[in-house]
Amino acid sequence: MPQHHDPGTADAPEGQASKSGFRPTAVAAVELGVVGQSVGVTVPGASESVQVTGISLDSRTVERGDLYVALPGAARHGADFARTALEAGAVAVLTDDAGARLLALGSDIAVPVLVVAEPRSVVGRLSRLIYRSQDADLPGPSMFGVTGTNGKTTTTYFINALLQAMGKKTGLIGTIEILAGGDPIPSLLTTPESTDVHALLALMRERGLDAASMEVSSHAVSFRRVDGVVFDVVGFTNLTQDHLDLHGTMEEYYRTKAELFTAERARAAVVTVDDEWGRRLAAQTELPVTTLATIQPGSGPEADPAGPAGADWTVTDSKPRGLGTEFTLRGRNGTELRVHTGLPGAFNVSNAALALAMVLAGGADPAEVQAALDSKDPFTVAVPGRMQLVSTRPAAVVDFAHNTDALARALAAVRSPEPASKVIVVFGATGQRDQGKRPSMGATAARLADVVIVSDDDPHDEDAAAIRAEVLVGATDAKEAEQLDCKIMEVYPRDAAIREAVNLAAPEDTILIAGRGHEVWQEVKGVNLALDDRVELRNALTARGFTVLQDDGIES
């Protein structure tokens, strides 16, 4: 059978199976008549009693008893793959008028076809119905959703680690991996399609999980991947320029994020009010809201001189402890919690504080939380590709920082107090994404690093040299205009750039490899090339005779 993929699905890198592993082992059948009724479609005659036990947008993941949803795509319509879905056991098809016409033009379809104007708009609702993923009669895990530009991944890991320290059985849906109380399931998207999300929630309920945390990107909201999900607590980290290729403006980007903070999608909110977007969101949300201030008034480039006065929780008394920070989270009601994170950077203080505030907003007892913080140190959990330490002399760090704000925070976090030490950064910009941030990323690197090595990120179908040129313009213009004392280099491919960074490093220096984090594939002109920054960095350090950490969790 020829290879194909359906519209709206992610291409799986070579070596990864695309068959869904998210489903519960048992699903009580729903009659097709009930499915049709929920979307305003009358199912005629005997077809009403057809038993539906699953739902899929991708013909490759269809299992016996599924409703196959045939969506329109940029190049092909999902109806073109209906035959494959039926051969796999689909018992009905849901599509739009165009899909119905395509099905009518082909050979006879021996299963019922339900037609709605906008099928994607009902997929989340149907997935929730079919999997009974959040059914009042079937209690499932408490759900924590985290959104914002930076910090989503780390915050979800922190929530999970804290809940586990409190003896809870947890799950996670995120960029790096998906966990359902057992072995990790590789994640291809920041948030999977709504069909998979609801199947996962049913699987988590089946496995007896107490709670789960989920990254919710703006893409997930825009593409309706979290439709039908109701979170117990949603959290907001920050908003800085990113994804404007999708949203166009910061205002539209904000509005997309704000859609998560509605009664239809959540029961309570925790909002970090360090930036103007957070303060606006806290004021506008209809949800019961807890506010969190993690930047002391007047400190940091993003701080409002007036400060976020009157926040429900405030970070105070921050001081270094090893590579990380210890601080106090002080409540307006007088509650105080002593907190430590072993991950470097002020932004990880913000991430830890948000995770803590969200767990408290979910009903946790502060005394129980403090006992878990003291006994388990949950906010020192290693997060793959997020400020991940590969060696200590030189300090060598891999981070996902892929926009201007995240790069600035990462560079500030890794600056060593050791005299005469240098910061060497390797980074690039992603192709076919928000082009406006490329010069500003270059300028930020020039201001905050001593050696700037511009290389490739994921060029996708764009010319890699042209992307590098845009980043280099920002770096060189900033160096000249501001008389910066930094060295700027262009080195590619990326593995060569990483080796060059290590070759330039002395033991007292810091190397930051930014932009790709945990990713193990680099897409160039439609081809997925094996490339893991952590592996390349470790190999280059070893080749130079430097000692690397043995418990870094990196797989060669």
Protein backbone atom coordinates (compact mmCIF):
# COMPACT_ATOMS: atom_id res chain seq x y z
CA MET A 1 0.00 0.00 0.00
CA PRO A 2 1.45 3.46 -0.83
CA GLN A 3 2.55 5.73 1.98
CA HIS A 4 0.16 8.54 2.83
CA HIS A 5 -0.78 10.87 5.62
CA ASP A 6 -3.96 12.66 6.47
CA PRO A 7 -4.44 16.43 6.67
CA GLY A 8 -3.83 18.04 10.03
CA THR A 9 -1.56 15.33 11.40
CA ALA A 10 2.13 15.56 12.22
CA ASP A 11 4.67 13.70 10.15
CA ALA A 12 6.43 11.13 12.30
CA PRO A 13 10.24 11.28 12.10
CA GLU A 14 11.88 8.19 10.66
CA GLY A 15 11.94 5.34 13.13
CA GLN A 16 8.86 6.47 15.07
CA ALA A 17 5.60 4.60 14.79
CA SER A 18 2.54 6.68 14.09
CA LYS A 19 0.01 4.18 15.54
CA SER A 20 -1.65 5.67 18.59
CA GLY A 21 -0.59 4.19 21.92
CA PHE A 22 -2.85 6.48 23.92
CA ARG A 23 -6.05 4.48 24.22
CA PRO A 24 -7.58 2.82 27.27
CA THR A 25 -7.88 -0.95 27.11
CA ALA A 26 -11.67 -0.87 27.37
CA VAL A 27 -14.22 1.64 26.09
CA ALA A 28 -17.97 1.28 26.61
CA ALA A 29 -19.62 1.56 23.19
CA VAL A 30 -21.70 4.61 22.28
CA GLU A 31 -24.48 4.19 19.73
CA LEU A 32 -23.99 6.14 16.51
CA GLY A 33 -27.44 7.65 16.97
CA VAL A 34 -26.21 9.30 20.19
CA VAL A 35 -23.07 10.49 18.40
CA GLY A 36 -25.17 12.02 15.62
CA GLN A 37 -27.57 13.61 18.06
CA SER A 38 -24.69 15.36 19.86
CA VAL A 39 -23.72 17.17 16.64
CA GLY A 40 -27.22 17.76 15.29
CA VAL A 41 -27.22 14.98 12.69
CA THR A 42 -30.03 12.46 12.40
CA VAL A 43 -28.76 8.92 11.84
CA PRO A 44 -31.35 6.94 9.87
CA GLY A 45 -32.78 3.50 10.59
CA ALA A 46 -30.65 0.63 11.78
CA SER A 47 -27.49 2.76 11.61
CA GLU A 48 -28.54 4.36 14.89
CA SER A 49 -27.45 1.26 16.77
CA VAL A 50 -23.96 1.01 15.24
CA GLN A 51 -21.51 0.68 18.16
CA VAL A 52 -18.72 3.27 18.30
CA THR A 53 -15.74 2.59 20.58
CA GLY A 54 -13.13 5.08 19.35
CA ILE A 55 -12.47 8.10 17.16
CA SER A 56 -9.54 9.07 14.91
CA LEU A 57 -8.53 11.86 12.54
CA ASP A 58 -5.80 9.74 10.95
CA SER A 59 -6.51 6.63 8.88
CA ARG A 60 -3.20 5.15 10.10
CA THR A 61 -4.40 5.09 13.72
CA VAL A 62 -7.93 3.79 13.12
CA GLU A 63 -8.92 0.77 15.19
CA ARG A 64 -11.94 -1.49 14.91
CA GLY A 65 -15.08 0.30 16.08
CA ASP A 66 -13.80 3.82 15.33
CA LEU A 67 -15.57 6.83 13.96
CA TYR A 68 -13.19 8.15 11.27
CA VAL A 69 -13.22 11.95 10.99
CA ALA A 70 -12.27 13.02 7.45
CA LEU A 71 -11.05 16.64 7.59
CA PRO A 72 -10.10 18.98 4.76
CA GLY A 73 -6.36 19.61 4.45
CA ALA A 74 -3.98 21.88 2.58
CA ALA A 75 -3.20 19.29 -0.12
CA ARG A 76 -5.57 16.34 0.36
CA HIS A 77 -8.91 15.74 2.00
CA GLY A 78 -9.20 13.10 4.69
CA ALA A 79 -12.00 11.51 2.65
CA ASP A 80 -9.32 10.36 0.21
CA PHE A 81 -8.13 7.97 2.93
CA ALA A 82 -11.53 6.66 3.98
CA ARG A 83 -10.97 3.31 2.27
CA THR A 84 -7.89 2.69 4.45
CA ALA A 85 -9.87 3.68 7.53
CA LEU A 86 -12.67 1.25 6.66
CA GLU A 87 -10.21 -1.56 6.05
CA ALA A 88 -8.83 -0.92 9.54
CA GLY A 89 -12.31 -1.29 11.05
CA ALA A 90 -13.94 2.16 11.04
CA VAL A 91 -17.71 1.77 11.49
CA ALA A 92 -18.72 5.29 10.37
CA VAL A 93 -17.29 8.44 8.79
CA LEU A 94 -17.82 12.05 9.87
CA THR A 95 -16.94 14.66 7.26
CA ASP A 96 -18.00 17.93 5.60
CA ASP A 97 -19.86 18.53 2.33
CA ALA A 98 -16.64 18.37 0.27
CA GLY A 99 -15.70 15.08 1.91
CA ALA A 100 -19.16 13.65 1.31
CA ARG A 101 -18.87 14.50 -2.38
CA LEU A 102 -15.49 12.78 -2.58
CA LEU A 103 -16.90 9.70 -0.88
CA ALA A 104 -19.85 9.67 -3.32
CA LEU A 105 -17.46 9.82 -6.28
CA GLY A 106 -15.52 6.80 -5.05
CA SER A 107 -16.70 3.23 -4.65
CA ASP A 108 -19.69 2.61 -2.41
CA ILE A 109 -19.06 3.33 1.26
CA ALA A 110 -20.66 0.54 3.26
CA VAL A 111 -20.79 2.49 6.55
CA PRO A 112 -22.90 5.47 7.64
CA VAL A 113 -21.57 8.91 6.69
CA LEU A 114 -22.37 11.86 8.98
CA VAL A 115 -22.02 15.31 7.42
CA VAL A 116 -21.47 18.54 9.40
CA ALA A 117 -20.40 21.98 8.18
CA GLU A 118 -17.19 22.19 10.26
CA PRO A 119 -16.16 18.72 11.46
CA ARG A 120 -13.07 19.92 13.34
CA SER A 121 -15.27 22.08 15.56
CA VAL A 122 -17.05 18.98 16.95
CA VAL A 123 -14.11 16.56 17.27
CA GLY A 124 -13.26 17.47 20.88
CA ARG A 125 -16.88 17.20 21.95
CA LEU A 126 -17.25 13.81 20.25
CA SER A 127 -13.97 12.51 21.68
CA ARG A 128 -15.10 13.41 25.18
CA LEU A 129 -18.44 11.66 24.58
CA ILE A 130 -16.98 8.48 23.07
CA TYR A 131 -14.17 8.00 25.60
CA ARG A 132 -16.18 9.39 28.56
CA SER A 133 -12.91 11.12 29.36
CA GLN A 134 -14.32 13.57 31.90
CA ASP A 135 -17.59 11.96 32.90
CA ALA A 136 -19.10 13.00 36.23
CA ASP A 137 -19.97 9.34 36.92
CA LEU A 138 -16.39 8.21 36.27
CA PRO A 139 -14.02 10.35 38.37
CA GLY A 140 -10.66 10.88 36.68
CA PRO A 141 -7.44 12.73 37.47
CA SER A 142 -7.37 16.38 38.49
CA MET A 143 -6.18 18.34 35.46
CA PHE A 144 -3.58 21.13 35.52
CA GLY A 145 -3.04 23.09 32.27
CA VAL A 146 -0.11 25.45 31.75
CA THR A 147 0.12 28.05 28.99
CA GLY A 148 2.34 31.03 28.16
CA THR A 149 5.31 31.61 25.86
CA ASN A 150 8.13 30.30 28.03
CA GLY A 151 8.23 27.90 30.95
CA LYS A 152 5.32 25.60 30.11
CA THR A 153 7.36 22.40 29.98
CA THR A 154 9.33 22.98 33.16
CA THR A 155 6.24 24.07 35.07
CA THR A 156 4.36 20.88 34.14
CA TYR A 157 7.36 18.77 35.22
CA PHE A 158 7.49 20.71 38.49
CA ILE A 159 3.76 20.15 39.10
CA ASN A 160 4.19 16.43 38.52
CA ALA A 161 7.28 16.21 40.71
CA LEU A 162 5.56 18.04 43.57
CA LEU A 163 2.43 15.90 43.37
CA GLN A 164 4.56 12.74 43.26
CA ALA A 165 6.45 13.98 46.33
CA MET A 166 3.04 14.21 48.00
CA GLY A 167 2.35 10.57 47.16
CA LYS A 168 0.12 11.14 44.13
CA LYS A 169 0.08 9.03 40.97
CA THR A 170 0.48 11.45 38.07
CA GLY A 171 0.44 11.82 34.31
CA LEU A 172 1.84 14.37 31.88
CA ILE A 173 0.99 15.53 28.34
CA GLY A 174 3.71 17.69 26.85
CA THR A 175 6.35 18.57 24.32
CA ILE A 176 8.94 16.05 25.43
CA GLU A 177 6.92 13.06 26.45
CA ILE A 178 3.53 11.79 27.48
CA LEU A 179 3.22 9.87 30.73
CA ALA A 180 0.19 7.95 31.93
CA GLY A 181 1.54 6.58 35.19
CA GLY A 182 3.94 4.23 33.41
CA ASP A 183 6.35 4.15 30.52
CA PRO A 184 6.69 7.37 28.50
CA ILE A 185 4.92 7.68 25.15
CA PRO A 186 6.91 9.86 22.67
CA SER A 187 5.16 13.15 21.88
CA LEU A 188 5.15 14.54 18.33
CA LEU A 189 3.28 17.75 19.13
CA THR A 190 3.26 20.11 22.12
CA THR A 191 -0.32 18.93 22.55
CA PRO A 192 -1.71 15.93 20.66
CA GLU A 193 -4.95 16.08 18.66
CA SER A 194 -8.15 16.22 20.71
CA THR A 195 -8.94 12.60 19.82
CA ASP A 196 -5.70 11.51 21.49
CA VAL A 197 -6.04 13.92 24.42
CA HIS A 198 -9.42 12.48 25.39
CA ALA A 199 -8.21 8.91 24.87
CA LEU A 200 -5.27 9.72 27.15
CA LEU A 201 -7.54 11.13 29.83
CA ALA A 202 -9.61 7.94 29.71
CA LEU A 203 -6.41 5.88 29.90
CA MET A 204 -5.25 7.89 32.91
CA ARG A 205 -8.59 7.33 34.62
CA GLU A 206 -8.38 3.61 33.83
CA ARG A 207 -4.91 3.46 35.42
CA GLY A 208 -6.10 5.21 38.56
CA LEU A 209 -4.08 8.41 38.22
CA ASP A 210 -4.73 11.14 40.78
CA ALA A 211 -3.65 14.12 38.67
CA ALA A 212 -2.15 15.12 35.34
CA SER A 213 -0.49 18.24 33.96
CA MET A 214 -0.59 19.40 30.36
CA GLU A 215 1.21 22.00 28.30
CA VAL A 216 -1.33 24.02 26.32
CA SER A 217 0.23 25.96 23.46
CA SER A 218 -1.50 28.65 21.43
CA HIS A 219 -1.46 26.19 18.52
CA ALA A 220 -3.39 23.72 20.68
CA VAL A 221 -6.11 26.30 21.29
CA SER A 222 -6.17 27.59 17.69
CA PHE A 223 -6.30 24.09 16.18
CA ARG A 224 -8.87 22.91 18.74
CA ARG A 225 -6.66 20.21 20.25
CA VAL A 226 -7.99 20.83 23.76
CA ASP A 227 -11.64 21.23 22.83
CA GLY A 228 -13.86 19.42 25.31
CA VAL A 229 -11.20 19.34 28.05
CA VAL A 230 -12.06 21.06 31.33
CA PHE A 231 -9.05 21.81 33.54
CA ASP A 232 -9.33 22.05 37.31
CA VAL A 233 -6.59 24.71 37.33
CA VAL A 234 -5.01 26.59 34.42
CA GLY A 235 -1.78 28.55 34.86
CA PHE A 236 -0.18 31.40 32.90
CA THR A 237 3.59 31.91 32.76
CA ASN A 238 4.32 34.96 30.55
CA LEU A 239 3.83 36.30 27.04
CA THR A 240 6.66 37.40 24.75
CA GLN A 241 7.06 37.51 20.98
CA ASP A 242 6.68 34.07 19.42
CA HIS A 243 4.41 32.29 16.95
CA LEU A 244 3.49 35.52 15.16
CA ASP A 245 3.63 33.52 11.93
CA LEU A 246 0.38 31.97 13.17
CA HIS A 247 -1.21 34.81 15.11
CA GLY A 248 0.01 37.90 13.23
CA THR A 249 0.05 40.23 16.22
CA MET A 250 0.77 40.06 19.94
CA GLU A 251 -2.83 41.06 20.58
CA GLU A 252 -4.15 38.05 18.69
CA TYR A 253 -1.55 35.83 20.38
CA TYR A 254 -2.80 37.05 23.76
CA ARG A 255 -6.46 36.53 22.86
CA THR A 256 -5.76 32.95 21.85
CA LYS A 257 -4.07 32.25 25.19
CA ALA A 258 -6.92 33.98 27.03
CA GLU A 259 -9.45 31.58 25.51
CA LEU A 260 -8.15 28.96 27.93
CA PHE A 261 -9.17 31.13 30.89
CA THR A 262 -12.92 30.76 30.43
CA ALA A 263 -15.57 28.81 32.31
CA GLU A 264 -15.99 26.49 29.33
CA ARG A 265 -12.38 25.29 29.69
CA ALA A 266 -11.38 25.62 33.34
CA ARG A 267 -12.59 25.92 36.92
CA ALA A 268 -9.83 28.10 38.41
CA ALA A 269 -6.78 30.06 37.28
CA VAL A 270 -3.34 31.03 38.57
CA VAL A 271 -1.83 33.93 36.64
CA THR A 272 1.75 35.19 36.89
CA VAL A 273 1.42 38.98 36.87
CA ASP A 274 5.05 39.90 36.24
CA ASP A 275 4.25 41.33 32.79
CA GLU A 276 1.47 43.52 31.42
CA TRP A 277 -0.16 40.56 29.65
CA GLY A 278 -0.49 38.62 32.88
CA ARG A 279 -1.95 41.61 34.72
CA ARG A 280 -4.44 42.10 31.91
CA LEU A 281 -5.40 38.42 31.91
CA ALA A 282 -5.89 38.38 35.69
CA ALA A 283 -8.20 41.38 35.41
CA GLN A 284 -10.20 40.03 32.49
CA THR A 285 -10.66 36.32 33.22
CA GLU A 286 -14.09 35.19 34.36
CA LEU A 287 -12.54 32.39 36.43
CA PRO A 288 -11.72 32.50 40.15
CA VAL A 289 -8.15 33.74 39.87
CA THR A 290 -5.06 33.54 42.07
CA THR A 291 -2.32 36.04 41.18
CA LEU A 292 1.40 35.36 41.49
CA ALA A 293 4.26 37.89 41.50
CA THR A 294 7.73 36.41 41.04
CA ILE A 295 9.73 39.53 40.13
CA GLN A 296 10.41 41.99 42.94
CA PRO A 297 9.20 45.54 42.10
CA GLY A 298 11.60 47.40 39.87
CA SER A 299 13.92 44.41 39.28
CA GLY A 300 14.63 42.79 35.95
CA PRO A 301 14.14 44.15 32.43
CA GLU A 302 10.53 42.97 32.25
CA ALA A 303 9.43 44.36 35.60
CA ASP A 304 6.89 47.14 35.95
CA PRO A 305 8.44 49.89 38.13
CA ALA A 306 5.20 50.03 40.10
CA GLY A 307 5.30 46.27 40.66
CA PRO A 308 2.38 43.84 40.70
CA ALA A 309 0.95 45.18 43.95
CA GLY A 310 -1.36 43.05 45.98
CA ALA A 311 -0.66 39.65 44.38
CA ASP A 312 -2.06 36.66 46.23
CA TRP A 313 1.36 34.96 46.24
CA THR A 314 4.72 36.74 46.08
CA VAL A 315 8.26 35.40 45.71
CA THR A 316 10.57 36.95 48.32
CA ASP A 317 14.01 36.41 49.86
CA SER A 318 15.57 34.80 46.78
CA LYS A 319 19.20 33.81 47.19
CA PRO A 320 21.57 31.48 45.35
CA ARG A 321 22.01 27.91 46.54
CA GLY A 322 24.43 25.93 44.41
CA LEU A 323 23.42 26.31 40.76
CA GLY A 324 19.85 27.00 41.82
CA THR A 325 17.89 29.27 44.14
CA GLU A 326 16.10 29.11 47.44
CA PHE A 327 13.22 31.50 48.11
CA THR A 328 10.06 32.08 50.08
CA LEU A 329 6.59 32.01 48.57
CA ARG A 330 4.52 34.34 50.73
CA GLY A 331 0.74 34.41 50.64
CA ARG A 332 -1.34 37.51 51.18
CA ASN A 333 -3.07 35.58 53.97
CA GLY A 334 0.24 35.19 55.84
CA THR A 335 1.08 31.64 54.69
CA GLU A 336 4.78 31.16 53.90
CA LEU A 337 6.45 28.27 52.11
CA ARG A 338 10.21 27.67 51.96
CA VAL A 339 11.15 26.57 48.45
CA HIS A 340 14.26 25.43 46.58
CA THR A 341 14.91 24.76 42.92
CA GLY A 342 18.17 23.23 41.74
CA LEU A 343 17.65 24.49 38.18
CA PRO A 344 19.53 27.73 37.38
CA GLY A 345 17.91 31.02 36.47
CA ALA A 346 15.33 33.43 37.84
CA PHE A 347 12.84 32.05 35.35
CA ASN A 348 12.99 28.69 37.08
CA VAL A 349 12.06 30.43 40.32
CA SER A 350 9.00 31.72 38.45
CA ASN A 351 8.25 28.24 37.10
CA ALA A 352 8.57 26.64 40.55
CA ALA A 353 6.40 29.31 42.16
CA LEU A 354 3.69 28.87 39.52
CA ALA A 355 3.71 25.08 39.92
CA LEU A 356 3.41 25.51 43.68
CA ALA A 357 0.60 28.06 43.44
CA MET A 358 -1.32 25.85 41.00
CA VAL A 359 -1.11 22.80 43.27
CA LEU A 360 -2.32 24.94 46.18
CA ALA A 361 -5.15 26.32 44.03
CA GLY A 362 -6.08 22.71 43.33
CA GLY A 363 -6.83 22.23 47.02
CA ALA A 364 -3.54 20.95 48.45
CA ASP A 365 -2.86 21.55 52.13
CA PRO A 366 0.08 23.99 52.59
CA ALA A 367 1.50 21.93 55.46
CA GLU A 368 1.50 18.78 53.32
CA VAL A 369 3.10 20.72 50.48
CA GLN A 370 5.85 22.07 52.76
CA ALA A 371 6.60 18.56 54.00
CA ALA A 372 6.98 17.37 50.39
CA LEU A 373 9.24 20.32 49.53
CA ASP A 374 11.46 19.60 52.53
CA SER A 375 11.73 15.85 52.10
CA LYS A 376 11.90 15.40 48.32
CA ASP A 377 13.25 18.66 46.77
CA PRO A 378 10.84 18.19 43.80
CA PHE A 379 11.85 21.35 41.92
CA THR A 380 15.32 19.95 41.27
CA VAL A 381 13.87 17.38 38.89
CA ALA A 382 15.81 17.16 35.60
CA VAL A 383 13.76 18.42 32.65
CA PRO A 384 15.15 17.11 29.33
CA GLY A 385 16.52 19.93 27.20
CA ARG A 386 15.52 22.64 29.68
CA MET A 387 18.65 24.12 31.26
CA GLN A 388 20.07 20.60 31.10
CA LEU A 389 23.59 20.41 32.47
CA VAL A 390 26.01 18.21 30.50
CA SER A 391 29.26 19.17 32.25
CA THR A 392 30.41 21.53 35.02
CA ARG A 393 33.93 22.54 33.87
CA PRO A 394 33.28 24.06 31.50
CA ALA A 395 29.66 24.52 32.46
CA ALA A 396 27.85 23.18 29.39
CA VAL A 397 24.09 23.61 29.15
CA VAL A 398 21.43 22.69 26.56
CA ASP A 399 18.23 24.72 26.61
CA PHE A 400 15.14 25.07 24.43
CA ALA A 401 15.35 28.88 24.35
CA HIS A 402 14.14 29.67 20.83
CA ASN A 403 12.86 33.23 21.06
CA THR A 404 14.38 36.53 22.15
CA ASP A 405 13.04 36.60 25.70
CA ALA A 406 13.91 32.97 26.44
CA LEU A 407 17.42 33.42 25.00
CA ALA A 408 17.99 36.51 27.17
CA ARG A 409 16.84 34.68 30.29
CA ALA A 410 19.00 31.64 29.53
CA LEU A 411 22.12 33.71 28.86
CA ALA A 412 21.62 35.68 32.07
CA ALA A 413 21.11 32.45 34.02
CA VAL A 414 24.34 30.79 32.88
CA ARG A 415 26.68 33.78 33.39
CA SER A 416 29.36 32.65 35.86
CA PRO A 417 30.63 34.94 38.64
CA GLU A 418 34.12 33.49 38.09
CA PRO A 419 36.51 36.26 36.95
CA ALA A 420 37.51 36.26 33.28
CA SER A 421 35.03 33.52 32.40
CA LYS A 422 33.32 33.69 29.01
CA VAL A 423 29.82 32.75 27.84
CA ILE A 424 29.81 30.98 24.46
CA VAL A 425 26.42 30.54 22.81
CA VAL A 426 25.41 28.44 19.81
CA PHE A 427 21.96 29.11 18.39
CA GLY A 428 19.96 29.77 15.24
CA ALA A 429 16.38 30.46 14.22
CA THR A 430 13.70 28.11 12.98
CA GLY A 431 12.70 28.26 9.32
CA GLN A 432 9.16 29.10 8.24
CA ARG A 433 8.42 30.63 11.63
CA ASP A 434 8.13 34.16 13.02
CA GLN A 435 10.88 35.86 10.98
CA GLY A 436 10.63 39.12 12.92
CA LYS A 437 12.41 37.68 15.96
CA ARG A 438 15.58 36.67 14.09
CA PRO A 439 17.49 40.01 14.26
CA SER A 440 16.42 40.59 17.88
CA MET A 441 17.71 37.14 18.85
CA GLY A 442 21.04 38.00 17.25
CA ALA A 443 21.20 41.34 19.06
CA THR A 444 20.36 39.71 22.39
CA ALA A 445 23.13 37.15 21.95
CA ALA A 446 25.64 39.89 21.12
CA ARG A 447 24.71 41.83 24.25
CA LEU A 448 24.78 38.93 26.69
CA ALA A 449 27.43 36.50 25.35
CA ASP A 450 31.16 36.85 24.79
CA VAL A 451 31.27 34.49 21.81
CA VAL A 452 28.25 34.28 19.52
CA ILE A 453 28.15 31.32 17.14
CA VAL A 454 25.24 31.57 14.71
CA SER A 455 24.29 28.23 13.20
CA ASP A 456 21.19 26.37 12.00
CA ASP A 457 18.15 25.42 14.04
CA ASP A 458 15.47 23.61 11.99
CA PRO A 459 15.50 25.29 8.58
CA HIS A 460 12.49 23.27 7.35
CA ASP A 461 11.99 24.23 3.69
CA GLU A 462 13.59 27.67 4.02
CA ASP A 463 17.15 28.46 2.88
CA ALA A 464 19.39 27.93 5.92
CA ALA A 465 21.95 30.53 4.82
CA ALA A 466 19.25 33.19 4.51
CA ILE A 467 18.03 32.47 8.05
CA ARG A 468 21.55 32.72 9.44
CA ALA A 469 22.05 36.00 7.59
CA GLU A 470 19.01 37.57 9.28
CA VAL A 471 20.25 36.52 12.72
CA LEU A 472 23.77 37.76 11.94
CA VAL A 473 22.48 41.18 10.88
CA GLY A 474 20.92 41.66 14.29
CA ALA A 475 24.09 40.54 16.08
CA THR A 476 26.53 42.63 14.03
CA ASP A 477 24.32 45.74 14.04
CA ALA A 478 24.04 45.58 17.83
CA LYS A 479 27.79 45.06 18.21
CA GLU A 480 28.61 48.07 16.06
CA ALA A 481 25.92 50.41 17.37
CA GLU A 482 26.52 49.59 21.03
CA GLN A 483 30.29 48.98 20.77
CA LEU A 484 29.94 45.52 22.25
CA ASP A 485 33.02 43.48 23.04
CA CYS A 486 31.93 40.12 21.65
CA LYS A 487 33.12 37.79 18.92
CA ILE A 488 30.52 36.84 16.29
CA MET A 489 30.93 33.74 14.14
CA GLU A 490 28.90 31.83 11.59
CA VAL A 491 29.48 28.06 11.76
CA TYR A 492 27.39 25.33 10.16
CA PRO A 493 26.21 22.63 10.17
CA ARG A 494 25.10 22.66 13.80
CA ASP A 495 27.27 19.77 15.01
CA ALA A 496 30.33 21.65 13.71
CA ALA A 497 29.18 24.77 15.57
CA ILE A 498 28.91 22.79 18.80
CA ARG A 499 32.42 21.39 18.33
CA GLU A 500 33.74 24.90 17.67
CA ALA A 501 32.14 26.17 20.89
CA VAL A 502 33.84 23.42 22.87
CA ASN A 503 37.18 24.05 21.14
CA LEU A 504 36.98 27.72 22.21
CA ALA A 505 36.07 26.96 25.82
CA ALA A 506 38.33 27.07 28.85
CA PRO A 507 37.38 25.18 32.03
CA GLU A 508 36.04 28.33 33.69
CA ASP A 509 33.77 29.19 30.73
CA THR A 510 30.11 28.44 30.06
CA ILE A 511 28.72 26.96 26.84
CA LEU A 512 25.02 27.39 26.07
CA ILE A 513 23.52 25.44 23.18
CA ALA A 514 20.13 27.07 22.66
CA GLY A 515 17.02 26.56 20.59
CA ARG A 516 16.42 22.83 20.17
CA GLY A 517 16.55 21.42 23.69
CA HIS A 518 15.37 17.82 23.80
CA GLU A 519 14.80 17.49 20.02
CA VAL A 520 16.58 14.63 18.29
CA TRP A 521 15.67 15.36 14.65
CA GLN A 522 16.60 18.36 12.50
CA GLU A 523 14.32 18.99 9.54
CA VAL A 524 16.13 20.18 6.41
CA LYS A 525 14.26 20.38 3.10
CA GLY A 526 11.75 17.76 4.15
CA VAL A 527 14.39 15.32 5.46
CA ASN A 528 14.68 14.48 9.16
CA LEU A 529 18.36 14.31 10.14
CA ALA A 530 19.37 12.71 13.44
CA LEU A 531 20.74 15.50 15.64
CA ASP A 532 20.67 15.74 19.42
CA ASP A 533 22.44 18.83 20.80
CA ARG A 534 23.07 17.03 24.09
CA VAL A 535 24.79 14.09 22.42
CA GLU A 536 26.89 16.34 20.16
CA LEU A 537 27.89 18.50 23.11
CA ARG A 538 28.81 15.52 25.28
CA ASN A 539 30.86 13.94 22.47
CA ALA A 540 32.71 17.21 21.76
CA LEU A 541 33.51 17.72 25.44
CA THR A 542 34.76 14.14 25.79
CA ALA A 543 36.94 14.50 22.68
CA ARG A 544 38.64 17.51 24.28
CA GLY A 545 39.25 15.63 27.51
CA PHE A 546 36.64 17.42 29.61
CA THR A 547 34.64 15.43 32.16
CA VAL A 548 30.92 15.06 31.44
CA LEU A 549 28.18 14.21 33.90
CA GLN A 550 27.37 10.52 33.96
CA ASP A 551 23.77 10.87 35.17
CA ASP A 552 22.58 13.30 32.52
CA GLY A 553 19.90 10.97 31.17
CA ILE A 554 21.08 11.43 27.60
CA GLU A 555 20.75 8.50 25.22
CA SER A 556 23.33 8.31 22.46
